[in-house]
Amino acid sequence: MKIVIISGKGGTGKTSIGACYADMSDDQTVKVDCDVDASNLHLMFENNNKTHYPFIGAKVAHINKDLCIGCQNCVEVCRFKALIKADKPIVNELKCEGCGACRYVCMASAIKLEKEVTGQVIMSQTERGHLSYAEMYAGAEGSGKLVTEVRKQAESLLYKDQLLDGSPGVGCSVIASITDTDVAVVVTEPTFSGLEDMKRVLDLVKHFNVKPYVIVNKFDINVKNTDLIEAVCNEKDIEVIGRIPFDGLVKKAINEGVPVSLYKDSIAGKAIKESYDLLQERIRI
């Protein structure tokens, strides 16, 4: 069983809930942090026996100065303004998209596209089992491909169950997180933007034929909007498996780097545990 936790927008508390779910699951469930642009699930658990693998996420143009004749064709053809005009053009690697147009027009065959390491794929051992995640370098692209690599690493362990902390939104990294999963837990908040973004991500989940469930985080800050979210879910025949109340202990847990469910007096932790138990019950049906 592969369960992915996602949200239509950032800041809904997706990872806080995901950390609790990870803590509640057994050590035979592989934890996967697919939010590669800002991986943080590993901060909630002690990580040991880390293994790192370089991720090749892009190609960048490189000019052989010995071959370059300074024709400037590459400068003129680059629509990304990645080549700086000079006696022998200079590549701005931060702007280069690796499209290859410069290589195509180079009269001296002085330009090559070379693979670029844009991040690392990491596997670690935690007290709750294996965790697969990544560190994407600042300014790098290809987050969807990196999510796929993180998931491939998790698949290599050959465990039956996976718990994935997905990315917010509906972009390529979210698509890579949802693909080939069984259940999607969509975390939203009782705001109008939370509602509209939830609708978009639910449409995406439906497109990939994944079973959706919804959790409303901090539901009590606007009960009217919470009721509206539940009405929309009822229309779509989607079960709301959790109403998580606002709880000041969540901030404390984040600051201390632990799941809030570890605090016995946390009302949010108790509600998250109830949603987890209900989800497990629905999965077994």
C-alpha atoms as a PDB file:
ATOM      1  CA  MET A   1       0.000   0.000   0.000  1.00  0.00           C
ATOM      2  CA  LYS A   2       1.356   3.394  -1.037  1.00  0.00           C
ATOM      3  CA  ILE A   3      -0.109   6.406   0.755  1.00  0.00           C
ATOM      4  CA  VAL A   4       0.832   9.931  -0.327  1.00  0.00           C
ATOM      5  CA  ILE A   5       0.114  13.019   1.768  1.00  0.00           C
ATOM      6  CA  ILE A   6      -0.320  16.153  -0.331  1.00  0.00           C
ATOM      7  CA  SER A   7      -1.866  19.613  -0.223  1.00  0.00           C
ATOM      8  CA  GLY A   8      -3.106  22.109  -2.760  1.00  0.00           C
ATOM      9  CA  LYS A   9      -0.975  24.868  -1.251  1.00  0.00           C
ATOM     10  CA  GLY A  10       1.990  25.263   1.052  1.00  0.00           C
ATOM     11  CA  GLY A  11       1.635  25.949   4.758  1.00  0.00           C
ATOM     12  CA  THR A  12      -1.363  23.743   5.448  1.00  0.00           C
ATOM     13  CA  GLY A  13       0.493  21.508   7.907  1.00  0.00           C
ATOM     14  CA  LYS A  14       0.997  18.633   5.494  1.00  0.00           C
ATOM     15  CA  THR A  15       4.456  17.677   6.756  1.00  0.00           C
ATOM     16  CA  SER A  16       3.446  18.035  10.405  1.00  0.00           C
ATOM     17  CA  ILE A  17       0.680  15.505   9.811  1.00  0.00           C
ATOM     18  CA  GLY A  18       2.964  13.395   7.643  1.00  0.00           C
ATOM     19  CA  ALA A  19       5.575  13.267  10.419  1.00  0.00           C
ATOM     20  CA  CYS A  20       2.924  12.004  12.828  1.00  0.00           C
ATOM     21  CA  TYR A  21       1.801   9.363  10.348  1.00  0.00           C
ATOM     22  CA  ALA A  22       5.421   8.315   9.850  1.00  0.00           C
ATOM     23  CA  ASP A  23       5.889   7.989  13.609  1.00  0.00           C
ATOM     24  CA  MET A  24       2.707   5.926  13.922  1.00  0.00           C
ATOM     25  CA  SER A  25       3.613   3.534  11.097  1.00  0.00           C
ATOM     26  CA  ASP A  26       5.799   0.473  11.644  1.00  0.00           C
ATOM     27  CA  ASP A  27       9.425   0.119  10.621  1.00  0.00           C
ATOM     28  CA  GLN A  28       8.415  -2.037   7.638  1.00  0.00           C
ATOM     29  CA  THR A  29       6.861   1.022   6.000  1.00  0.00           C
ATOM     30  CA  VAL A  30       9.341   2.995   3.917  1.00  0.00           C
ATOM     31  CA  LYS A  31       9.068   6.749   4.461  1.00  0.00           C
ATOM     32  CA  VAL A  32       9.589   8.861   1.343  1.00  0.00           C
ATOM     33  CA  ASP A  33       9.975  12.645   1.334  1.00  0.00           C
ATOM     34  CA  CYS A  34       8.929  13.743  -2.156  1.00  0.00           C
ATOM     35  CA  ASP A  35       8.997  17.449  -1.336  1.00  0.00           C
ATOM     36  CA  VAL A  36      12.490  17.660  -2.824  1.00  0.00           C
ATOM     37  CA  ASP A  37      12.526  21.455  -3.140  1.00  0.00           C
ATOM     38  CA  ALA A  38      12.300  21.727   0.648  1.00  0.00           C
ATOM     39  CA  SER A  39      12.846  18.301   2.204  1.00  0.00           C
ATOM     40  CA  ASN A  40      12.235  18.415   5.946  1.00  0.00           C
ATOM     41  CA  LEU A  41      10.737  15.096   7.038  1.00  0.00           C
ATOM     42  CA  HIS A  42      14.228  13.891   7.983  1.00  0.00           C
ATOM     43  CA  LEU A  43      14.451  16.703  10.539  1.00  0.00           C
ATOM     44  CA  MET A  44      11.797  14.961  12.627  1.00  0.00           C
ATOM     45  CA  PHE A  45      13.741  11.725  13.076  1.00  0.00           C
ATOM     46  CA  GLU A  46      17.249  10.703  14.021  1.00  0.00           C
ATOM     47  CA  ASN A  47      19.031   9.652  10.833  1.00  0.00           C
ATOM     48  CA  ASN A  48      21.767   7.021  10.778  1.00  0.00           C
ATOM     49  CA  ASN A  49      23.739   5.082   8.163  1.00  0.00           C
ATOM     50  CA  LYS A  50      23.179   7.654   5.434  1.00  0.00           C
ATOM     51  CA  THR A  51      24.033   6.817   1.833  1.00  0.00           C
ATOM     52  CA  HIS A  52      24.291   9.579  -0.784  1.00  0.00           C
ATOM     53  CA  TYR A  53      23.918   9.346  -4.559  1.00  0.00           C
ATOM     54  CA  PRO A  54      24.497  12.264  -6.953  1.00  0.00           C
ATOM     55  CA  PHE A  55      21.516  13.329  -9.057  1.00  0.00           C
ATOM     56  CA  ILE A  56      22.151  14.405 -12.643  1.00  0.00           C
ATOM     57  CA  GLY A  57      19.274  16.756 -13.295  1.00  0.00           C
ATOM     58  CA  ALA A  58      20.442  18.983 -16.120  1.00  0.00           C
ATOM     59  CA  LYS A  59      22.937  19.636 -18.871  1.00  0.00           C
ATOM     60  CA  VAL A  60      24.952  22.831 -19.211  1.00  0.00           C
ATOM     61  CA  ALA A  61      26.829  24.223 -22.209  1.00  0.00           C
ATOM     62  CA  HIS A  62      30.615  24.378 -21.976  1.00  0.00           C
ATOM     63  CA  ILE A  63      32.836  26.132 -24.519  1.00  0.00           C
ATOM     64  CA  ASN A  64      36.259  24.804 -25.479  1.00  0.00           C
ATOM     65  CA  LYS A  65      38.268  28.021 -25.663  1.00  0.00           C
ATOM     66  CA  ASP A  66      40.956  26.346 -27.767  1.00  0.00           C
ATOM     67  CA  LEU A  67      38.437  25.532 -30.499  1.00  0.00           C
ATOM     68  CA  CYS A  68      36.237  28.644 -30.240  1.00  0.00           C
ATOM     69  CA  ILE A  69      36.713  31.138 -33.109  1.00  0.00           C
ATOM     70  CA  GLY A  70      34.543  33.847 -31.553  1.00  0.00           C
ATOM     71  CA  CYS A  71      31.855  33.842 -34.270  1.00  0.00           C
ATOM     72  CA  GLN A  72      29.177  34.854 -31.691  1.00  0.00           C
ATOM     73  CA  ASN A  73      26.543  32.618 -33.305  1.00  0.00           C
ATOM     74  CA  CYS A  74      25.868  31.020 -29.941  1.00  0.00           C
ATOM     75  CA  VAL A  75      25.272  34.399 -28.306  1.00  0.00           C
ATOM     76  CA  GLU A  76      22.762  35.390 -30.958  1.00  0.00           C
ATOM     77  CA  VAL A  77      20.787  32.135 -30.917  1.00  0.00           C
ATOM     78  CA  CYS A  78      20.456  31.736 -27.117  1.00  0.00           C
ATOM     79  CA  ARG A  79      16.975  32.875 -26.138  1.00  0.00           C
ATOM     80  CA  PHE A  80      17.820  32.507 -22.447  1.00  0.00           C
ATOM     81  CA  LYS A  81      20.647  35.084 -22.595  1.00  0.00           C
ATOM     82  CA  ALA A  82      22.963  32.473 -21.075  1.00  0.00           C
ATOM     83  CA  LEU A  83      25.919  33.413 -23.269  1.00  0.00           C
ATOM     84  CA  ILE A  84      27.834  36.614 -22.668  1.00  0.00           C
ATOM     85  CA  LYS A  85      29.391  38.302 -25.682  1.00  0.00           C
ATOM     86  CA  ALA A  86      33.187  38.463 -25.546  1.00  0.00           C
ATOM     87  CA  ASP A  87      36.158  37.640 -27.765  1.00  0.00           C
ATOM     88  CA  LYS A  88      35.263  34.083 -26.848  1.00  0.00           C
ATOM     89  CA  PRO A  89      31.734  33.872 -25.368  1.00  0.00           C
ATOM     90  CA  ILE A  90      31.242  33.046 -21.695  1.00  0.00           C
ATOM     91  CA  VAL A  91      28.492  30.740 -20.421  1.00  0.00           C
ATOM     92  CA  ASN A  92      26.316  31.896 -17.517  1.00  0.00           C
ATOM     93  CA  GLU A  93      25.560  28.454 -16.079  1.00  0.00           C
ATOM     94  CA  LEU A  94      22.707  29.755 -13.921  1.00  0.00           C
ATOM     95  CA  LYS A  95      20.796  30.815 -17.037  1.00  0.00           C
ATOM     96  CA  CYS A  96      21.693  27.896 -19.305  1.00  0.00           C
ATOM     97  CA  GLU A  97      18.751  25.558 -19.967  1.00  0.00           C
ATOM     98  CA  GLY A  98      20.810  22.932 -21.796  1.00  0.00           C
ATOM     99  CA  CYS A  99      18.671  23.171 -24.938  1.00  0.00           C
ATOM    100  CA  GLY A 100      21.631  22.690 -27.275  1.00  0.00           C
ATOM    101  CA  ALA A 101      20.834  25.507 -29.716  1.00  0.00           C
ATOM    102  CA  CYS A 102      24.300  27.000 -29.210  1.00  0.00           C
ATOM    103  CA  ARG A 103      25.962  23.709 -30.033  1.00  0.00           C
ATOM    104  CA  TYR A 104      23.880  23.397 -33.188  1.00  0.00           C
ATOM    105  CA  VAL A 105      24.995  26.751 -34.606  1.00  0.00           C
ATOM    106  CA  CYS A 106      28.629  26.606 -33.449  1.00  0.00           C
ATOM    107  CA  MET A 107      30.845  26.825 -36.558  1.00  0.00           C
ATOM    108  CA  ALA A 108      33.859  25.292 -34.814  1.00  0.00           C
ATOM    109  CA  SER A 109      32.114  22.496 -32.880  1.00  0.00           C
ATOM    110  CA  ALA A 110      33.522  24.069 -29.730  1.00  0.00           C
ATOM    111  CA  ILE A 111      30.442  23.618 -27.535  1.00  0.00           C
ATOM    112  CA  LYS A 112      29.429  20.513 -25.623  1.00  0.00           C
ATOM    113  CA  LEU A 113      26.550  19.854 -23.246  1.00  0.00           C
ATOM    114  CA  GLU A 114      27.886  18.333 -20.068  1.00  0.00           C
ATOM    115  CA  LYS A 115      25.865  16.644 -17.338  1.00  0.00           C
ATOM    116  CA  GLU A 116      25.404  18.644 -14.165  1.00  0.00           C
ATOM    117  CA  VAL A 117      24.865  17.345 -10.637  1.00  0.00           C
ATOM    118  CA  THR A 118      21.875  19.279  -9.266  1.00  0.00           C
ATOM    119  CA  GLY A 119      21.217  17.418  -6.038  1.00  0.00           C
ATOM    120  CA  GLN A 120      21.665  14.316  -3.939  1.00  0.00           C
ATOM    121  CA  VAL A 121      19.432  11.320  -3.285  1.00  0.00           C
ATOM    122  CA  ILE A 122      19.768  10.127   0.301  1.00  0.00           C
ATOM    123  CA  MET A 123      18.729   6.959   2.106  1.00  0.00           C
ATOM    124  CA  SER A 124      18.884   6.856   5.889  1.00  0.00           C
ATOM    125  CA  GLN A 125      17.843   4.563   8.710  1.00  0.00           C
ATOM    126  CA  THR A 126      15.548   5.993  11.389  1.00  0.00           C
ATOM    127  CA  GLU A 127      13.908   4.548  14.483  1.00  0.00           C
ATOM    128  CA  ARG A 128      10.804   4.176  12.304  1.00  0.00           C
ATOM    129  CA  GLY A 129      12.466   2.409   9.386  1.00  0.00           C
ATOM    130  CA  HIS A 130      14.052   3.556   6.148  1.00  0.00           C
ATOM    131  CA  LEU A 131      13.666   7.131   4.904  1.00  0.00           C
ATOM    132  CA  SER A 132      14.340   8.108   1.294  1.00  0.00           C
ATOM    133  CA  TYR A 133      14.725  11.806   0.550  1.00  0.00           C
ATOM    134  CA  ALA A 134      16.775  14.298  -1.434  1.00  0.00           C
ATOM    135  CA  GLU A 135      18.626  17.566  -1.256  1.00  0.00           C
ATOM    136  CA  MET A 136      18.153  19.719  -4.327  1.00  0.00           C
ATOM    137  CA  TYR A 137      20.746  22.398  -4.904  1.00  0.00           C
ATOM    138  CA  ALA A 138      19.616  26.020  -4.771  1.00  0.00           C
ATOM    139  CA  GLY A 139      18.436  27.291  -8.151  1.00  0.00           C
ATOM    140  CA  ALA A 140      18.424  23.821  -9.707  1.00  0.00           C
ATOM    141  CA  GLU A 141      15.591  22.488 -11.849  1.00  0.00           C
ATOM    142  CA  GLY A 142      14.149  19.052 -12.512  1.00  0.00           C
ATOM    143  CA  SER A 143      12.284  18.493  -9.247  1.00  0.00           C
ATOM    144  CA  GLY A 144       9.893  16.030 -10.893  1.00  0.00           C
ATOM    145  CA  LYS A 145      12.803  13.859 -12.057  1.00  0.00           C
ATOM    146  CA  LEU A 146      14.360  14.021  -8.605  1.00  0.00           C
ATOM    147  CA  VAL A 147      11.094  12.853  -6.999  1.00  0.00           C
ATOM    148  CA  THR A 148      11.143   9.887  -9.368  1.00  0.00           C
ATOM    149  CA  GLU A 149      14.713   9.037  -8.290  1.00  0.00           C
ATOM    150  CA  VAL A 150      13.764   9.273  -4.613  1.00  0.00           C
ATOM    151  CA  ARG A 151      10.864   6.919  -5.224  1.00  0.00           C
ATOM    152  CA  LYS A 152      13.029   4.504  -7.241  1.00  0.00           C
ATOM    153  CA  GLN A 153      15.388   4.283  -4.285  1.00  0.00           C
ATOM    154  CA  ALA A 154      12.460   3.467  -1.989  1.00  0.00           C
ATOM    155  CA  GLU A 155      11.212   0.817  -4.430  1.00  0.00           C
ATOM    156  CA  SER A 156      14.624  -0.864  -4.401  1.00  0.00           C
ATOM    157  CA  LEU A 157      14.060  -1.876  -0.766  1.00  0.00           C
ATOM    158  CA  LEU A 158      11.210  -4.156  -1.877  1.00  0.00           C
ATOM    159  CA  TYR A 159       9.011  -3.312   1.111  1.00  0.00           C
ATOM    160  CA  LYS A 160       5.280  -3.656   0.670  1.00  0.00           C
ATOM    161  CA  ASP A 161       4.164  -0.368   2.229  1.00  0.00           C
ATOM    162  CA  GLN A 162       5.256   3.215   1.588  1.00  0.00           C
ATOM    163  CA  LEU A 163       4.285   6.535   3.170  1.00  0.00           C
ATOM    164  CA  LEU A 164       5.063   9.512   0.948  1.00  0.00           C
ATOM    165  CA  ASP A 165       5.201  13.155   1.975  1.00  0.00           C
ATOM    166  CA  GLY A 166       4.379  14.875  -1.320  1.00  0.00           C
ATOM    167  CA  SER A 167       4.905  18.390  -2.593  1.00  0.00           C
ATOM    168  CA  PRO A 168       2.274  21.149  -2.339  1.00  0.00           C
ATOM    169  CA  GLY A 169       0.475  22.409  -5.429  1.00  0.00           C
ATOM    170  CA  VAL A 170      -0.251  20.640  -8.719  1.00  0.00           C
ATOM    171  CA  GLY A 171       3.127  20.875 -10.504  1.00  0.00           C
ATOM    172  CA  CYS A 172       5.359  18.168 -11.945  1.00  0.00           C
ATOM    173  CA  SER A 173       6.825  17.182  -8.566  1.00  0.00           C
ATOM    174  CA  VAL A 174       3.281  16.580  -7.264  1.00  0.00           C
ATOM    175  CA  ILE A 175       2.444  14.498 -10.318  1.00  0.00           C
ATOM    176  CA  ALA A 176       5.599  12.451  -9.740  1.00  0.00           C
ATOM    177  CA  SER A 177       4.540  12.006  -6.094  1.00  0.00           C
ATOM    178  CA  ILE A 178       1.000  10.856  -6.903  1.00  0.00           C
ATOM    179  CA  THR A 179       1.779   8.510  -9.788  1.00  0.00           C
ATOM    180  CA  ASP A 180       1.438   4.815  -8.905  1.00  0.00           C
ATOM    181  CA  THR A 181       0.066   5.374  -5.397  1.00  0.00           C
ATOM    182  CA  ASP A 182      -3.071   3.838  -3.914  1.00  0.00           C
ATOM    183  CA  VAL A 183      -4.332   6.510  -1.531  1.00  0.00           C
ATOM    184  CA  ALA A 184      -3.921  10.297  -1.365  1.00  0.00           C
ATOM    185  CA  VAL A 185      -4.529  12.175   1.884  1.00  0.00           C
ATOM    186  CA  VAL A 186      -5.182  15.803   0.933  1.00  0.00           C
ATOM    187  CA  VAL A 187      -4.495  18.269   3.739  1.00  0.00           C
ATOM    188  CA  THR A 188      -6.297  21.598   3.513  1.00  0.00           C
ATOM    189  CA  GLU A 189      -7.107  24.582   5.736  1.00  0.00           C
ATOM    190  CA  PRO A 190     -10.390  26.489   6.257  1.00  0.00           C
ATOM    191  CA  THR A 191      -9.599  29.425   3.975  1.00  0.00           C
ATOM    192  CA  PHE A 192     -10.909  30.275   0.526  1.00  0.00           C
ATOM    193  CA  SER A 193      -7.487  29.681  -1.020  1.00  0.00           C
ATOM    194  CA  GLY A 194      -7.291  26.390   0.852  1.00  0.00           C
ATOM    195  CA  LEU A 195     -10.651  25.349  -0.586  1.00  0.00           C
ATOM    196  CA  GLU A 196      -9.869  26.320  -4.179  1.00  0.00           C
ATOM    197  CA  ASP A 197      -6.418  24.729  -4.111  1.00  0.00           C
ATOM    198  CA  MET A 198      -7.925  21.584  -2.595  1.00  0.00           C
ATOM    199  CA  LYS A 199     -10.335  21.364  -5.545  1.00  0.00           C
ATOM    200  CA  ARG A 200      -7.456  21.552  -8.020  1.00  0.00           C
ATOM    201  CA  VAL A 201      -5.383  18.868  -6.336  1.00  0.00           C
ATOM    202  CA  LEU A 202      -8.435  16.613  -5.982  1.00  0.00           C
ATOM    203  CA  ASP A 203      -8.961  16.884  -9.745  1.00  0.00           C
ATOM    204  CA  LEU A 204      -5.340  15.839 -10.212  1.00  0.00           C
ATOM    205  CA  VAL A 205      -5.764  12.879  -7.874  1.00  0.00           C
ATOM    206  CA  LYS A 206      -8.891  11.827  -9.752  1.00  0.00           C
ATOM    207  CA  HIS A 207      -7.009  12.001 -13.064  1.00  0.00           C
ATOM    208  CA  PHE A 208      -4.503   9.450 -11.769  1.00  0.00           C
ATOM    209  CA  ASN A 209      -7.253   7.226 -10.376  1.00  0.00           C
ATOM    210  CA  VAL A 210      -5.996   7.449  -6.787  1.00  0.00           C
ATOM    211  CA  LYS A 211      -8.398   7.112  -3.853  1.00  0.00           C
ATOM    212  CA  PRO A 212      -8.636  10.494  -2.047  1.00  0.00           C
ATOM    213  CA  TYR A 213      -9.312  11.388   1.578  1.00  0.00           C
ATOM    214  CA  VAL A 214      -9.300  14.879   3.096  1.00  0.00           C
ATOM    215  CA  ILE A 215      -8.053  16.311   6.380  1.00  0.00           C
ATOM    216  CA  VAL A 216      -8.967  19.856   7.448  1.00  0.00           C
ATOM    217  CA  ASN A 217      -6.147  21.265   9.556  1.00  0.00           C
ATOM    218  CA  LYS A 218      -6.821  24.025  12.115  1.00  0.00           C
ATOM    219  CA  PHE A 219     -10.513  23.557  11.346  1.00  0.00           C
ATOM    220  CA  ASP A 220     -11.663  25.649  14.300  1.00  0.00           C
ATOM    221  CA  ILE A 221     -10.133  28.927  13.104  1.00  0.00           C
ATOM    222  CA  ASN A 222     -13.063  29.188  10.682  1.00  0.00           C
ATOM    223  CA  VAL A 223     -15.768  26.581  11.233  1.00  0.00           C
ATOM    224  CA  LYS A 224     -17.950  28.094   8.509  1.00  0.00           C
ATOM    225  CA  ASN A 225     -15.282  27.486   5.876  1.00  0.00           C
ATOM    226  CA  THR A 226     -14.645  24.025   7.296  1.00  0.00           C
ATOM    227  CA  ASP A 227     -18.314  23.210   6.765  1.00  0.00           C
ATOM    228  CA  LEU A 228     -18.021  24.530   3.207  1.00  0.00           C
ATOM    229  CA  ILE A 229     -15.011  22.291   2.543  1.00  0.00           C
ATOM    230  CA  GLU A 230     -16.878  19.279   3.892  1.00  0.00           C
ATOM    231  CA  ALA A 231     -19.896  20.126   1.714  1.00  0.00           C
ATOM    232  CA  VAL A 232     -17.672  20.174  -1.373  1.00  0.00           C
ATOM    233  CA  CYS A 233     -16.164  16.835  -0.349  1.00  0.00           C
ATOM    234  CA  ASN A 234     -19.641  15.350   0.136  1.00  0.00           C
ATOM    235  CA  GLU A 235     -20.599  16.452  -3.363  1.00  0.00           C
ATOM    236  CA  LYS A 236     -17.531  14.685  -4.708  1.00  0.00           C
ATOM    237  CA  ASP A 237     -18.161  11.612  -2.525  1.00  0.00           C
ATOM    238  CA  ILE A 238     -14.849  12.122  -0.709  1.00  0.00           C
ATOM    239  CA  GLU A 239     -14.577  11.311   2.985  1.00  0.00           C
ATOM    240  CA  VAL A 240     -13.139  13.841   5.419  1.00  0.00           C
ATOM    241  CA  ILE A 241     -11.176  11.621   7.806  1.00  0.00           C
ATOM    242  CA  GLY A 242      -9.921  14.342  10.113  1.00  0.00           C
ATOM    243  CA  ARG A 243     -10.710  17.701  11.666  1.00  0.00           C
ATOM    244  CA  ILE A 244      -7.501  18.811  13.343  1.00  0.00           C
ATOM    245  CA  PRO A 245      -7.934  21.644  15.890  1.00  0.00           C
ATOM    246  CA  PHE A 246      -5.523  24.544  16.271  1.00  0.00           C
ATOM    247  CA  ASP A 247      -2.938  23.630  18.883  1.00  0.00           C
ATOM    248  CA  GLY A 248      -0.065  25.768  20.153  1.00  0.00           C
ATOM    249  CA  LEU A 249       1.940  22.609  20.820  1.00  0.00           C
ATOM    250  CA  VAL A 250       2.372  22.133  17.068  1.00  0.00           C
ATOM    251  CA  LYS A 251       4.732  25.104  16.926  1.00  0.00           C
ATOM    252  CA  LYS A 252       6.633  23.754  19.923  1.00  0.00           C
ATOM    253  CA  ALA A 253       6.954  20.349  18.267  1.00  0.00           C
ATOM    254  CA  ILE A 254       8.257  21.915  15.054  1.00  0.00           C
ATOM    255  CA  ASN A 255      10.831  23.940  16.979  1.00  0.00           C
ATOM    256  CA  GLU A 256      11.968  20.832  18.821  1.00  0.00           C
ATOM    257  CA  GLY A 257      12.005  18.735  15.647  1.00  0.00           C
ATOM    258  CA  VAL A 258       9.569  16.026  16.777  1.00  0.00           C
ATOM    259  CA  PRO A 259       6.082  14.904  15.672  1.00  0.00           C
ATOM    260  CA  VAL A 260       3.377  16.623  17.725  1.00  0.00           C
ATOM    261  CA  SER A 261       1.744  13.234  18.320  1.00  0.00           C
ATOM    262  CA  LEU A 262       4.508  12.538  20.866  1.00  0.00           C
ATOM    263  CA  TYR A 263       2.934  15.114  23.200  1.00  0.00           C
ATOM    264  CA  LYS A 264       0.284  13.227  25.164  1.00  0.00           C
ATOM    265  CA  ASP A 265      -1.629  16.416  25.999  1.00  0.00           C
ATOM    266  CA  SER A 266      -1.725  17.668  22.401  1.00  0.00           C
ATOM    267  CA  ILE A 267      -5.270  17.941  21.073  1.00  0.00           C
ATOM    268  CA  ALA A 268      -3.920  18.142  17.518  1.00  0.00           C
ATOM    269  CA  GLY A 269      -1.837  15.005  18.083  1.00  0.00           C
ATOM    270  CA  LYS A 270      -4.882  13.111  19.316  1.00  0.00           C
ATOM    271  CA  ALA A 271      -6.961  14.214  16.315  1.00  0.00           C
ATOM    272  CA  ILE A 272      -4.165  13.219  13.907  1.00  0.00           C
ATOM    273  CA  LYS A 273      -3.976   9.795  15.590  1.00  0.00           C
ATOM    274  CA  GLU A 274      -7.751   9.393  15.150  1.00  0.00           C
ATOM    275  CA  SER A 275      -7.462  10.274  11.451  1.00  0.00           C
ATOM    276  CA  TYR A 276      -4.606   7.784  11.051  1.00  0.00           C
ATOM    277  CA  ASP A 277      -6.604   5.003  12.704  1.00  0.00           C
ATOM    278  CA  LEU A 278      -9.627   5.802  10.533  1.00  0.00           C
ATOM    279  CA  LEU A 279      -7.462   5.752   7.409  1.00  0.00           C
ATOM    280  CA  GLN A 280      -6.043   2.344   8.352  1.00  0.00           C
ATOM    281  CA  GLU A 281      -9.578   1.111   8.912  1.00  0.00           C
ATOM    282  CA  ARG A 282     -10.688   2.332   5.482  1.00  0.00           C
ATOM    283  CA  ILE A 283      -7.651   0.759   3.801  1.00  0.00           C
ATOM    284  CA  ARG A 284      -8.467  -2.615   5.326  1.00  0.00           C
ATOM    285  CA  ILE A 285     -12.036  -2.573   4.016  1.00  0.00           C
END
